[in-house]
C-alpha atoms as a PDB file:
ATOM      1  CA  MET A   1      10.212 183.638 132.115  1.00  0.00           C
ATOM      2  CA  SER A   2      10.449 182.038 128.910  1.00  0.00           C
ATOM      3  CA  ALA A   3      14.448 182.227 129.044  1.00  0.00           C
ATOM      4  CA  PHE A   4      14.327 180.622 132.518  1.00  0.00           C
ATOM      5  CA  ILE A   5      12.185 178.038 131.536  1.00  0.00           C
ATOM      6  CA  GLN A   6      14.251 177.274 128.258  1.00  0.00           C
ATOM      7  CA  ASP A   7      17.435 177.156 130.291  1.00  0.00           C
ATOM      8  CA  LEU A   8      15.902 174.689 132.788  1.00  0.00           C
ATOM      9  CA  ALA A   9      14.548 172.668 130.332  1.00  0.00           C
ATOM     10  CA  ASP A  10      17.747 172.427 128.580  1.00  0.00           C
ATOM     11  CA  ARG A  11      19.786 171.414 131.373  1.00  0.00           C
ATOM     12  CA  LEU A  12      17.573 168.832 131.960  1.00  0.00           C
ATOM     13  CA  ALA A  13      17.506 167.378 128.719  1.00  0.00           C
ATOM     14  CA  LYS A  14      21.458 167.068 128.692  1.00  0.00           C
ATOM     15  CA  ASP A  15      21.273 165.409 132.093  1.00  0.00           C
ATOM     16  CA  VAL A  16      18.831 162.770 130.514  1.00  0.00           C
ATOM     17  CA  LEU A  17      20.849 162.548 127.807  1.00  0.00           C
ATOM     18  CA  ASP A  18      23.902 161.807 129.571  1.00  0.00           C
ATOM     19  CA  ALA A  19      22.241 159.214 131.915  1.00  0.00           C
ATOM     20  CA  GLN A  20      20.612 157.360 129.358  1.00  0.00           C
ATOM     21  CA  THR A  21      23.620 155.332 128.618  1.00  0.00           C
ATOM     22  CA  GLU A  22      24.064 154.365 132.464  1.00  0.00           C
ATOM     23  CA  LEU A  23      20.491 153.370 132.596  1.00  0.00           C
ATOM     24  CA  LYS A  24      20.778 151.602 129.259  1.00  0.00           C
ATOM     25  CA  ASP A  25      17.340 152.964 128.284  1.00  0.00           C
ATOM     26  CA  GLU A  26      17.773 155.019 124.678  1.00  0.00           C
ATOM     27  CA  ARG A  27      14.258 156.462 125.118  1.00  0.00           C
ATOM     28  CA  PHE A  28      14.295 157.370 128.933  1.00  0.00           C
ATOM     29  CA  TYR A  29      13.551 160.708 127.968  1.00  0.00           C
ATOM     30  CA  ASP A  30       9.845 159.790 126.913  1.00  0.00           C
ATOM     31  CA  GLN A  31       9.402 158.833 130.495  1.00  0.00           C
ATOM     32  CA  VAL A  32      10.660 162.121 131.703  1.00  0.00           C
ATOM     33  CA  GLY A  33       8.783 163.667 129.205  1.00  0.00           C
ATOM     34  CA  ARG A  34       5.690 162.047 130.603  1.00  0.00           C
ATOM     35  CA  VAL A  35       6.617 163.546 134.255  1.00  0.00           C
ATOM     36  CA  LEU A  36       6.794 166.675 133.153  1.00  0.00           C
ATOM     37  CA  MET A  37       3.679 166.858 131.286  1.00  0.00           C
ATOM     38  CA  ALA A  38       1.835 165.577 134.242  1.00  0.00           C
ATOM     39  CA  ALA A  39       3.392 168.611 136.416  1.00  0.00           C
ATOM     40  CA  SER A  40       4.180 171.373 133.575  1.00  0.00           C
ATOM     41  CA  PRO A  41       3.346 171.200 129.935  1.00  0.00           C
ATOM     42  CA  THR A  42       5.058 174.183 129.070  1.00  0.00           C
ATOM     43  CA  LEU A  43       8.221 172.768 130.725  1.00  0.00           C
ATOM     44  CA  GLN A  44       7.503 169.463 128.832  1.00  0.00           C
ATOM     45  CA  GLU A  45       7.488 171.208 125.529  1.00  0.00           C
ATOM     46  CA  TYR A  46      10.685 173.024 125.901  1.00  0.00           C
ATOM     47  CA  PHE A  47      12.205 169.787 127.374  1.00  0.00           C
ATOM     48  CA  MET A  48      11.201 167.642 124.007  1.00  0.00           C
ATOM     49  CA  THR A  49      12.384 170.633 121.920  1.00  0.00           C
ATOM     50  CA  SER A  50      15.724 170.583 123.565  1.00  0.00           C
ATOM     51  CA  ILE A  51      15.910 166.583 123.314  1.00  0.00           C
ATOM     52  CA  ARG A  52      14.975 166.898 119.782  1.00  0.00           C
ATOM     53  CA  ILE A  53      17.658 169.535 119.236  1.00  0.00           C
ATOM     54  CA  ARG A  54      20.239 167.658 121.137  1.00  0.00           C
ATOM     55  CA  LEU A  55      19.794 164.063 119.326  1.00  0.00           C
ATOM     56  CA  ALA A  56      19.889 165.969 115.887  1.00  0.00           C
ATOM     57  CA  GLU A  57      23.080 167.685 116.583  1.00  0.00           C
ATOM     58  CA  ALA A  58      24.559 164.476 117.669  1.00  0.00           C
ATOM     59  CA  ARG A  59      23.471 162.822 114.507  1.00  0.00           C
ATOM     60  CA  GLY A  60      24.912 165.609 112.580  1.00  0.00           C
ATOM     61  CA  ARG A  61      28.206 165.698 114.482  1.00  0.00           C
ATOM     62  CA  ALA A  62      28.358 161.997 113.904  1.00  0.00           C
ATOM     63  CA  PHE A  63      27.950 162.072 110.129  1.00  0.00           C
ATOM     64  CA  LEU A  64      30.327 165.008 110.072  1.00  0.00           C
ATOM     65  CA  GLU A  65      32.955 163.135 112.006  1.00  0.00           C
ATOM     66  CA  GLN A  66      32.360 159.828 109.615  1.00  0.00           C
ATOM     67  CA  ALA A  67      32.698 161.947 106.399  1.00  0.00           C
ATOM     68  CA  LEU A  68      35.974 163.449 107.555  1.00  0.00           C
ATOM     69  CA  LYS A  69      37.475 160.351 108.584  1.00  0.00           C
ATOM     70  CA  ALA A  70      36.592 158.763 105.088  1.00  0.00           C
ATOM     71  CA  LYS A  71      38.226 161.479 103.290  1.00  0.00           C
ATOM     72  CA  ARG A  72      41.407 161.236 105.635  1.00  0.00           C
ATOM     73  CA  GLU A  73      41.393 157.606 105.192  1.00  0.00           C
ATOM     74  CA  GLY A  74      40.507 157.450 101.526  1.00  0.00           C
ATOM     75  CA  GLY A  75      37.302 155.701 102.088  1.00  0.00           C
ATOM     76  CA  ALA A  76      33.820 156.297 100.873  1.00  0.00           C
ATOM     77  CA  ALA A  77      32.063 159.131 102.591  1.00  0.00           C
ATOM     78  CA  PRO A  78      28.582 158.234 104.404  1.00  0.00           C
ATOM     79  CA  ASP A  79      25.259 159.055 102.389  1.00  0.00           C
ATOM     80  CA  ALA A  80      23.212 161.707 103.819  1.00  0.00           C
ATOM     81  CA  PRO A  81      19.674 160.412 104.492  1.00  0.00           C
ATOM     82  CA  LYS A  82      17.214 160.866 101.702  1.00  0.00           C
ATOM     83  CA  ASP A  83      15.679 164.475 101.784  1.00  0.00           C
ATOM     84  CA  LEU A  84      12.070 163.775 102.867  1.00  0.00           C
ATOM     85  CA  SER A  85      11.035 167.105 102.157  1.00  0.00           C
ATOM     86  CA  LEU A  86      10.694 166.674  98.557  1.00  0.00           C
ATOM     87  CA  GLY A  87       7.279 165.509  97.507  1.00  0.00           C
ATOM     88  CA  SER A  88       6.188 164.665 101.032  1.00  0.00           C
ATOM     89  CA  GLY A  89       3.602 167.532 101.014  1.00  0.00           C
ATOM     90  CA  HIS A  90       5.349 168.966 104.525  1.00  0.00           C
END
């Protein structure tokens, strides 16, 4: 059942992220998450995990593309975010 729920949540997450541009609401996934929480906390948890992973992948991909563009065009590479894990206690 877990794989089924994960697949279902991931497909919904992809669709919601795709729809956000059309809806002009970058945090629409929060609303969908609240709807899911009221109906199925388990599905909501998988959905939010998929959202976070997809958003992180998009940020990582954008960083990669910026770094490659800078290298190819002779510009300065983008700076990676500060490593928050150092000394934060987490």
